N, C-alpha and C. Protein backbone atom coordinates (compact mmCIF):
# COMPACT_ATOMS: atom_id res chain seq x y z
N MET A 1 0.74 -1.26 -0.13
CA MET A 1 0.03 -0.09 0.00
C MET A 1 0.61 0.98 0.23
N THR A 2 0.19 1.88 -0.84
CA THR A 2 1.70 3.31 -0.73
C THR A 2 0.67 4.40 0.31
N GLU A 3 1.58 5.19 0.22
CA GLU A 3 0.80 6.60 1.42
C GLU A 3 0.24 8.28 0.95
N PRO A 4 -1.01 8.21 0.86
CA PRO A 4 -1.08 9.46 0.23
C PRO A 4 -0.36 10.65 0.01
N ARG A 5 -0.54 10.84 -0.94
CA ARG A 5 0.43 12.04 -1.25
C ARG A 5 -0.34 13.23 -1.29
N LEU A 6 1.05 14.62 -0.76
CA LEU A 6 -0.04 16.05 -0.73
C LEU A 6 0.05 16.53 -2.38
N LYS A 7 -0.74 17.60 -2.46
CA LYS A 7 -0.40 18.34 -4.07
C LYS A 7 0.87 18.71 -3.90
N ALA A 8 1.11 18.69 -5.44
CA ALA A 8 2.66 18.63 -5.38
C ALA A 8 3.34 20.39 -5.17
N ARG A 9 1.81 21.19 -5.25
CA ARG A 9 1.95 22.87 -4.94
C ARG A 9 2.29 22.53 -3.48
N LEU A 10 1.81 21.72 -2.89
CA LEU A 10 1.29 22.80 -1.92
C LEU A 10 3.14 21.63 -1.06
N TRP A 11 3.29 20.41 -1.43
CA TRP A 11 4.64 19.92 -0.88
C TRP A 11 5.59 20.68 -1.02
N VAL A 12 6.12 21.20 -2.26
CA VAL A 12 6.92 22.18 -2.79
C VAL A 12 6.70 23.16 -1.55
N GLN A 13 5.84 24.27 -1.52
CA GLN A 13 5.70 25.01 -0.51
C GLN A 13 5.80 24.92 1.35
N SER A 14 5.85 23.48 1.49
CA SER A 14 6.00 23.68 2.61
C SER A 14 7.59 22.81 2.73
N VAL A 15 8.12 21.86 2.06
CA VAL A 15 9.26 21.97 1.65
C VAL A 15 10.47 23.36 2.08
N LEU A 16 10.28 24.43 0.99
CA LEU A 16 10.45 25.85 0.98
C LEU A 16 10.78 26.06 2.59
N ARG A 17 9.67 26.31 3.07
CA ARG A 17 9.14 26.73 4.33
C ARG A 17 10.19 26.52 5.27
N ALA A 18 9.93 24.77 5.28
CA ALA A 18 11.44 24.14 6.29
C ALA A 18 12.77 24.57 5.82
N GLY A 19 12.73 24.74 4.76
CA GLY A 19 14.39 25.14 4.32
C GLY A 19 14.92 26.31 4.56
N ASP A 20 14.07 27.55 4.35
CA ASP A 20 14.44 28.60 5.03
C ASP A 20 14.75 28.24 6.73
N GLY A 21 13.59 27.73 7.11
CA GLY A 21 13.44 27.16 8.51
C GLY A 21 15.02 26.65 9.25
N ALA A 22 15.41 25.94 8.25
CA ALA A 22 16.92 25.67 8.30
C ALA A 22 17.96 25.64 8.41
N GLY A 23 17.90 27.00 7.70
CA GLY A 23 18.66 28.29 7.51
C GLY A 23 19.59 27.35 5.43
N ARG A 24 18.35 26.89 4.90
CA ARG A 24 18.98 26.14 3.86
C ARG A 24 17.96 26.50 3.33
N PRO A 25 17.79 27.90 2.26
CA PRO A 25 16.78 28.85 1.45
C PRO A 25 17.07 27.82 0.65
N GLY A 26 15.31 28.18 -0.17
CA GLY A 26 15.37 27.56 -1.90
C GLY A 26 14.20 28.52 -2.43
N ALA A 27 14.58 27.79 -3.84
CA ALA A 27 13.50 28.40 -4.78
C ALA A 27 12.83 27.27 -5.96
N VAL A 28 12.22 27.99 -6.21
CA VAL A 28 11.33 27.46 -7.25
C VAL A 28 12.16 27.71 -8.79
N LEU A 29 12.63 26.57 -9.74
CA LEU A 29 13.63 27.06 -10.48
C LEU A 29 12.65 27.22 -11.45
N ARG A 30 11.90 26.03 -11.45
CA ARG A 30 10.30 25.66 -12.71
C ARG A 30 8.89 25.02 -12.26
N ARG A 31 8.11 25.79 -12.00
CA ARG A 31 7.01 25.57 -12.13
C ARG A 31 5.79 24.14 -12.91
N GLY A 32 5.27 23.56 -11.96
CA GLY A 32 5.18 22.19 -12.70
C GLY A 32 3.44 21.81 -12.46
N ASP A 33 2.62 21.18 -13.03
CA ASP A 33 1.69 20.73 -12.10
C ASP A 33 1.56 20.82 -11.02
N ALA A 34 0.11 21.65 -10.76
CA ALA A 34 0.15 22.22 -9.42
C ALA A 34 -0.58 20.78 -8.60
N ASP A 35 -1.11 19.77 -8.99
CA ASP A 35 -1.72 18.55 -8.20
C ASP A 35 -0.77 17.17 -8.14
N ALA A 36 -0.57 17.19 -9.39
CA ALA A 36 0.21 15.88 -9.51
C ALA A 36 1.40 15.54 -9.96
N GLY A 37 2.02 17.19 -9.96
CA GLY A 37 3.29 17.25 -10.94
C GLY A 37 4.63 16.70 -10.22
N GLY A 38 5.37 15.60 -10.36
CA GLY A 38 6.38 15.05 -10.06
C GLY A 38 7.28 16.85 -9.51
N VAL A 39 8.46 16.11 -8.67
CA VAL A 39 9.34 16.70 -8.31
C VAL A 39 11.50 16.83 -8.37
N LEU A 40 12.19 18.00 -9.19
CA LEU A 40 13.07 17.53 -9.20
C LEU A 40 14.09 18.15 -7.87
N VAL A 41 14.85 18.31 -7.11
CA VAL A 41 15.27 19.35 -6.58
C VAL A 41 16.91 19.42 -6.55
N VAL A 42 17.41 20.22 -6.91
CA VAL A 42 18.94 20.77 -7.38
C VAL A 42 19.74 20.88 -5.80
N LEU A 43 20.28 20.42 -5.26
CA LEU A 43 20.99 21.05 -3.86
C LEU A 43 22.52 21.43 -4.19
N ARG A 44 22.43 22.60 -3.98
CA ARG A 44 23.91 23.66 -4.60
C ARG A 44 24.58 23.34 -3.00
N GLY A 45 26.09 22.82 -3.35
CA GLY A 45 26.95 22.56 -2.49
C GLY A 45 28.23 22.98 -2.68
N ARG A 46 29.54 23.19 -1.18
CA ARG A 46 30.38 23.67 -1.84
C ARG A 46 31.01 22.95 -2.10
N GLU A 47 30.38 21.37 -3.04
CA GLU A 47 31.43 20.48 -3.75
C GLU A 47 31.68 21.05 -4.59
N GLY A 48 29.64 21.39 -5.22
CA GLY A 48 28.77 21.45 -6.45
C GLY A 48 27.74 21.12 -5.95
N LEU A 49 26.83 20.48 -8.04
CA LEU A 49 25.27 19.93 -7.07
C LEU A 49 25.06 18.62 -7.29
N ALA A 50 23.79 18.48 -6.88
CA ALA A 50 23.59 17.24 -7.13
C ALA A 50 22.07 17.43 -7.25
N VAL A 51 21.26 16.24 -8.50
CA VAL A 51 20.33 16.86 -8.45
C VAL A 51 19.40 15.39 -7.96
N LEU A 52 18.32 15.37 -7.27
CA LEU A 52 17.38 14.25 -6.84
C LEU A 52 15.75 14.41 -7.38
N SER A 53 15.99 13.34 -7.41
CA SER A 53 15.07 12.12 -8.34
C SER A 53 13.78 11.45 -7.25
N GLN A 54 12.60 11.86 -7.17
CA GLN A 54 11.43 11.71 -6.93
C GLN A 54 11.41 9.97 -7.33
N VAL A 55 11.54 8.69 -6.47
CA VAL A 55 11.29 7.50 -6.61
C VAL A 55 10.37 6.64 -5.88
N ARG A 56 10.48 5.25 -5.83
CA ARG A 56 10.00 4.93 -4.75
C ARG A 56 10.62 3.14 -4.19
N ALA A 57 11.11 3.43 -3.13
CA ALA A 57 11.78 1.79 -2.97
C ALA A 57 11.21 1.26 -3.32
N GLY A 58 11.96 -0.60 -3.26
CA GLY A 58 10.95 -1.59 -3.15
C GLY A 58 10.16 -1.68 -2.19
N ASP A 59 9.92 -0.78 -1.23
CA ASP A 59 8.75 -1.68 -0.74
C ASP A 59 7.89 -0.66 -0.77
N GLY A 60 7.55 0.40 -1.61
CA GLY A 60 6.36 1.04 -1.89
C GLY A 60 6.23 2.46 -1.40
N SER A 61 7.92 2.79 -1.06
CA SER A 61 7.55 3.98 0.10
C SER A 61 8.57 5.14 -0.65
N ALA A 62 8.09 6.63 -0.55
CA ALA A 62 9.02 7.42 -0.92
C ALA A 62 10.31 7.70 -0.83
N ALA A 63 10.88 7.78 -1.96
CA ALA A 63 12.31 8.13 -2.00
C ALA A 63 12.99 8.64 -2.91
N TRP A 64 13.89 9.62 -2.35
CA TRP A 64 14.79 9.96 -3.61
C TRP A 64 16.12 9.44 -4.20
N LEU A 65 16.37 9.71 -5.53
CA LEU A 65 17.26 9.08 -5.77
C LEU A 65 18.60 10.19 -6.73
N ARG A 66 19.81 9.88 -6.15
CA ARG A 66 20.73 11.06 -6.37
C ARG A 66 21.01 10.81 -7.92
N ALA A 67 20.19 11.30 -8.99
CA ALA A 67 19.92 10.93 -10.21
C ALA A 67 21.19 11.69 -10.82
N THR A 68 22.47 12.13 -10.05
CA THR A 68 22.91 12.77 -11.78
C THR A 68 24.57 12.06 -10.67
N GLY A 69 24.23 10.73 -10.07
CA GLY A 69 25.41 10.48 -9.00
C GLY A 69 25.60 10.47 -7.89
N PRO A 70 26.28 9.80 -7.33
CA PRO A 70 27.30 9.82 -6.17
C PRO A 70 27.95 10.87 -5.93
N THR A 71 28.39 11.39 -6.67
CA THR A 71 29.25 12.35 -6.02
C THR A 71 29.17 14.50 -7.41
N PRO A 72 29.26 15.57 -6.46
CA PRO A 72 28.35 16.28 -6.73
C PRO A 72 29.26 16.39 -8.77
N VAL A 73 28.71 17.15 -9.03
CA VAL A 73 28.57 17.15 -10.81
C VAL A 73 28.66 19.39 -11.21
N ASP A 74 28.70 19.59 -11.59
CA ASP A 74 29.14 20.90 -12.48
C ASP A 74 27.37 21.41 -12.67
N GLN A 75 27.51 22.81 -12.95
CA GLN A 75 25.68 23.24 -13.68
C GLN A 75 25.95 22.76 -14.91
N PRO A 76 26.54 22.75 -15.81
CA PRO A 76 26.26 22.14 -17.18
C PRO A 76 25.46 20.97 -17.66
N ALA A 77 26.19 20.44 -16.51
CA ALA A 77 25.56 18.54 -16.15
C ALA A 77 24.90 18.75 -15.18
N ALA A 78 23.98 19.36 -14.49
CA ALA A 78 23.02 19.54 -13.67
C ALA A 78 22.03 20.12 -14.43
N ASP A 79 22.02 20.99 -15.39
CA ASP A 79 21.08 21.83 -16.02
C ASP A 79 20.61 20.68 -17.08
N GLY A 80 21.98 19.69 -17.72
CA GLY A 80 21.18 19.35 -18.83
C GLY A 80 20.44 18.12 -17.89
N TYR A 81 20.65 17.02 -17.19
CA TYR A 81 19.70 16.03 -16.11
C TYR A 81 18.80 16.62 -16.36
N VAL A 82 18.17 17.89 -15.86
CA VAL A 82 16.39 18.39 -15.79
C VAL A 82 16.42 19.16 -17.25
N ASP A 83 16.97 19.72 -18.09
CA ASP A 83 16.61 19.44 -19.22
C ASP A 83 15.95 17.85 -19.71
N ARG A 84 16.69 17.14 -19.79
CA ARG A 84 16.35 15.94 -20.27
C ARG A 84 15.26 15.71 -19.92
N GLN A 85 14.95 15.03 -18.19
CA GLN A 85 14.03 14.96 -17.83
C GLN A 85 12.70 15.38 -18.47
N LEU A 86 13.29 17.74 -18.16
CA LEU A 86 11.59 17.75 -18.40
C LEU A 86 10.80 16.91 -19.51
N ARG A 87 11.96 17.09 -20.98
CA ARG A 87 11.61 16.71 -22.10
C ARG A 87 10.96 15.62 -22.24
N PHE A 88 11.03 14.82 -21.06
CA PHE A 88 9.80 13.51 -20.56
C PHE A 88 8.55 13.30 -19.63
N ASP A 89 9.00 14.34 -18.93
CA ASP A 89 8.01 15.00 -18.08
C ASP A 89 7.55 16.96 -18.01
N PRO A 90 6.84 17.16 -18.83
CA PRO A 90 6.42 19.11 -18.66
C PRO A 90 5.95 19.30 -17.87
N ASP A 91 5.29 18.20 -16.68
CA ASP A 91 5.02 18.50 -15.26
C ASP A 91 5.72 19.21 -14.44
N LEU A 92 7.03 18.49 -14.78
CA LEU A 92 7.54 18.33 -13.23
C LEU A 92 8.11 19.51 -12.93
N TRP A 93 8.09 19.67 -11.08
CA TRP A 93 8.75 20.80 -10.80
C TRP A 93 9.90 20.56 -10.67
N VAL A 94 10.75 21.94 -10.59
CA VAL A 94 12.31 21.97 -10.23
C VAL A 94 12.66 23.15 -9.64
N ILE A 95 13.06 22.63 -8.06
CA ILE A 95 13.69 23.04 -7.00
C ILE A 95 14.92 23.09 -6.91
N GLU A 96 15.54 24.39 -5.89
CA GLU A 96 16.56 24.33 -5.64
C GLU A 96 16.71 24.95 -4.36
N PHE A 97 17.63 24.53 -3.45
CA PHE A 97 18.21 24.85 -1.82
C PHE A 97 20.15 25.00 -1.75
N GLU A 98 20.47 25.66 -0.96
CA GLU A 98 21.53 26.13 -0.93
C GLU A 98 21.88 24.78 0.24
N ALA A 99 22.60 23.78 -0.19
CA ALA A 99 22.97 23.08 0.96
C ALA A 99 24.28 21.95 0.67
N PRO A 100 24.78 23.28 1.58
CA PRO A 100 26.69 22.81 1.74
C PRO A 100 27.05 21.49 1.90
N ASP A 101 26.57 20.70 2.08
CA ASP A 101 26.99 19.04 2.61
C ASP A 101 26.47 18.38 1.46
N LEU A 102 25.09 18.91 0.58
CA LEU A 102 24.35 17.97 -0.66
C LEU A 102 23.66 17.49 0.21
N LEU A 103 22.82 17.70 2.01
CA LEU A 103 21.93 16.78 1.92
C LEU A 103 20.59 17.58 1.78
N PRO A 104 19.27 17.46 1.52
CA PRO A 104 17.80 18.27 1.29
C PRO A 104 18.14 18.30 3.45
N PRO A 105 16.95 19.58 2.71
CA PRO A 105 16.64 20.41 4.20
C PRO A 105 15.42 19.79 4.60
N PHE A 106 14.74 18.49 4.43
CA PHE A 106 13.84 17.88 4.39
C PHE A 106 13.74 16.70 4.53
N GLU A 107 13.03 15.42 5.66
CA GLU A 107 13.34 14.10 5.90
C GLU A 107 13.35 13.65 4.54
N ALA A 108 14.40 13.24 4.28
CA ALA A 108 14.18 12.43 2.72
C ALA A 108 15.16 10.95 2.62
N LYS A 109 14.03 9.56 2.46
CA LYS A 109 15.24 8.63 2.76
C LYS A 109 15.40 8.84 0.83
N ILE A 110 17.02 8.21 0.76
CA ILE A 110 18.29 8.30 -0.06
C ILE A 110 18.05 7.17 -0.59
N VAL A 111 17.47 6.57 -2.17
CA VAL A 111 18.55 5.35 -2.32
C VAL A 111 19.55 5.48 -3.14
N ALA A 112 20.53 4.95 -3.19
CA ALA A 112 21.63 4.25 -3.78
C ALA A 112 21.10 5.09 -5.50
């Protein structure tokens, strides 16, 4: 059984507030579908960037994949990944956070 999902717009607003409260400001880079859009999270760290993509873990729970790989990437690599995903799913939201340690400012199960 999967857990109930918040509408995308509400989820984005809540994690942006959480990020601000944690000293990790964020911004919406691209608005997607307000109800059911997926989300990409760009983390801007000291060593570079990482892009997280929403996935489902083996048990069906919500999780995040380090879509650009385990090591930080540069801006063109992060932008390229986001652009490719937007071609497949134009309803995606893209949000970015300042994250010196490349960890999201919200509770997230990160899978390999």
